[in-house]
Amino acid sequence: MPSFNLRLLPMDKSARIDRITAQGELGRRIREMGLVPGMDIKVIGKAPLRDPVALRIGGSTISLRNSEADYVEVRAV
């Protein structure tokens, strides 16, 4: 199955991070939040205007803006 942008992952669906395309400071910040290739994530909430999005990764919940999610490519599991 091809990878797609994290922004397109529907609520309550799981996916595996395929790659992070951000470079520099933004790429480092995304990786420091635990978003690294091979990790499983699940969308557990979206704000009323769909930004930001709440993600479950491991035992943690993180919030990610859509502008940041654009740099995360995932594959459905």
C-alpha atoms as a PDB file:
ATOM      1  CA  MET A   1       0.000   0.000   0.000  1.00  0.00           C
ATOM      2  CA  PRO A   2       1.429   3.437  -0.894  1.00  0.00           C
ATOM      3  CA  SER A   3       2.254   6.010   1.746  1.00  0.00           C
ATOM      4  CA  PHE A   4       0.138   9.120   2.186  1.00  0.00           C
ATOM      5  CA  ASN A   5       0.141  12.329   4.172  1.00  0.00           C
ATOM      6  CA  LEU A   6      -0.714  12.096   7.883  1.00  0.00           C
ATOM      7  CA  ARG A   7      -3.239  14.924   7.431  1.00  0.00           C
ATOM      8  CA  LEU A   8      -5.388  12.476   5.403  1.00  0.00           C
ATOM      9  CA  LEU A   9      -5.552   9.802   8.125  1.00  0.00           C
ATOM     10  CA  PRO A  10      -9.169   9.586   9.384  1.00  0.00           C
ATOM     11  CA  MET A  11     -10.232   9.622  13.040  1.00  0.00           C
ATOM     12  CA  ASP A  12      -9.746   6.362  14.957  1.00  0.00           C
ATOM     13  CA  LYS A  13      -7.555   4.880  12.220  1.00  0.00           C
ATOM     14  CA  SER A  14      -4.048   3.571  12.783  1.00  0.00           C
ATOM     15  CA  ALA A  15      -1.016   3.880  10.570  1.00  0.00           C
ATOM     16  CA  ARG A  16       2.734   3.335  10.643  1.00  0.00           C
ATOM     17  CA  ILE A  17       5.098   6.219   9.998  1.00  0.00           C
ATOM     18  CA  ASP A  18       6.888   5.623   6.707  1.00  0.00           C
ATOM     19  CA  ARG A  19       9.119   8.706   6.609  1.00  0.00           C
ATOM     20  CA  ILE A  20       9.586  12.265   7.806  1.00  0.00           C
ATOM     21  CA  THR A  21      10.248  14.700   4.975  1.00  0.00           C
ATOM     22  CA  ALA A  22      10.935  17.798   7.094  1.00  0.00           C
ATOM     23  CA  GLN A  23      14.515  19.027   7.302  1.00  0.00           C
ATOM     24  CA  GLY A  24      16.368  21.185   9.784  1.00  0.00           C
ATOM     25  CA  GLU A  25      14.752  22.466  12.971  1.00  0.00           C
ATOM     26  CA  LEU A  26      11.238  21.320  12.060  1.00  0.00           C
ATOM     27  CA  GLY A  27      12.438  17.800  11.249  1.00  0.00           C
ATOM     28  CA  ARG A  28      14.318  17.627  14.554  1.00  0.00           C
ATOM     29  CA  ARG A  29      11.284  18.880  16.476  1.00  0.00           C
ATOM     30  CA  ILE A  30       8.978  16.308  14.862  1.00  0.00           C
ATOM     31  CA  ARG A  31      11.409  13.483  15.635  1.00  0.00           C
ATOM     32  CA  GLU A  32      11.838  14.661  19.235  1.00  0.00           C
ATOM     33  CA  MET A  33       8.071  14.271  19.724  1.00  0.00           C
ATOM     34  CA  GLY A  34       8.523  10.564  18.945  1.00  0.00           C
ATOM     35  CA  LEU A  35       7.379  10.649  15.340  1.00  0.00           C
ATOM     36  CA  VAL A  36      10.009   8.438  13.753  1.00  0.00           C
ATOM     37  CA  PRO A  37       9.769   5.908  10.925  1.00  0.00           C
ATOM     38  CA  GLY A  38       8.389   2.558  12.046  1.00  0.00           C
ATOM     39  CA  MET A  39       6.250   3.922  14.900  1.00  0.00           C
ATOM     40  CA  ASP A  40       2.518   3.174  14.954  1.00  0.00           C
ATOM     41  CA  ILE A  41       0.193   6.139  15.426  1.00  0.00           C
ATOM     42  CA  LYS A  42      -3.541   6.675  15.711  1.00  0.00           C
ATOM     43  CA  VAL A  43      -5.617   9.821  15.231  1.00  0.00           C
ATOM     44  CA  ILE A  44      -7.689  10.210  18.403  1.00  0.00           C
ATOM     45  CA  GLY A  45      -9.031  13.727  17.986  1.00  0.00           C
ATOM     46  CA  LYS A  46      -9.284  16.762  15.766  1.00  0.00           C
ATOM     47  CA  ALA A  47     -10.072  20.343  16.715  1.00  0.00           C
ATOM     48  CA  PRO A  48     -13.314  21.828  15.346  1.00  0.00           C
ATOM     49  CA  LEU A  49     -11.445  23.409  12.433  1.00  0.00           C
ATOM     50  CA  ARG A  50      -9.393  20.183  12.038  1.00  0.00           C
ATOM     51  CA  ASP A  51      -6.210  21.844  13.279  1.00  0.00           C
ATOM     52  CA  PRO A  52      -4.470  20.658  15.399  1.00  0.00           C
ATOM     53  CA  VAL A  53      -4.850  16.899  15.458  1.00  0.00           C
ATOM     54  CA  ALA A  54      -4.356  14.694  18.540  1.00  0.00           C
ATOM     55  CA  LEU A  55      -2.295  11.547  17.999  1.00  0.00           C
ATOM     56  CA  ARG A  56      -1.690   8.495  20.164  1.00  0.00           C
ATOM     57  CA  ILE A  57       1.885   7.263  19.816  1.00  0.00           C
ATOM     58  CA  GLY A  58       3.069   4.590  22.184  1.00  0.00           C
ATOM     59  CA  GLY A  59       1.531   5.456  25.548  1.00  0.00           C
ATOM     60  CA  SER A  60       1.506   9.195  24.885  1.00  0.00           C
ATOM     61  CA  THR A  61      -0.868  11.678  23.316  1.00  0.00           C
ATOM     62  CA  ILE A  62       0.620  14.504  21.276  1.00  0.00           C
ATOM     63  CA  SER A  63      -0.854  17.387  19.342  1.00  0.00           C
ATOM     64  CA  LEU A  64       0.389  18.209  15.872  1.00  0.00           C
ATOM     65  CA  ARG A  65      -0.525  21.094  13.582  1.00  0.00           C
ATOM     66  CA  ASN A  66      -1.555  20.249  10.034  1.00  0.00           C
ATOM     67  CA  SER A  67       1.379  22.281   8.739  1.00  0.00           C
ATOM     68  CA  GLU A  68       3.640  19.859  10.649  1.00  0.00           C
ATOM     69  CA  ALA A  69       1.611  16.767   9.737  1.00  0.00           C
ATOM     70  CA  ASP A  70       2.235  17.583   6.078  1.00  0.00           C
ATOM     71  CA  TYR A  71       5.820  16.385   6.588  1.00  0.00           C
ATOM     72  CA  VAL A  72       4.843  12.959   7.981  1.00  0.00           C
ATOM     73  CA  GLU A  73       4.100  10.161   5.519  1.00  0.00           C
ATOM     74  CA  VAL A  74       2.290   7.076   6.799  1.00  0.00           C
ATOM     75  CA  ARG A  75       1.029   3.685   5.616  1.00  0.00           C
ATOM     76  CA  ALA A  76      -2.201   2.104   6.828  1.00  0.00           C
ATOM     77  CA  VAL A  77      -1.805  -0.949   9.064  1.00  0.00           C
END
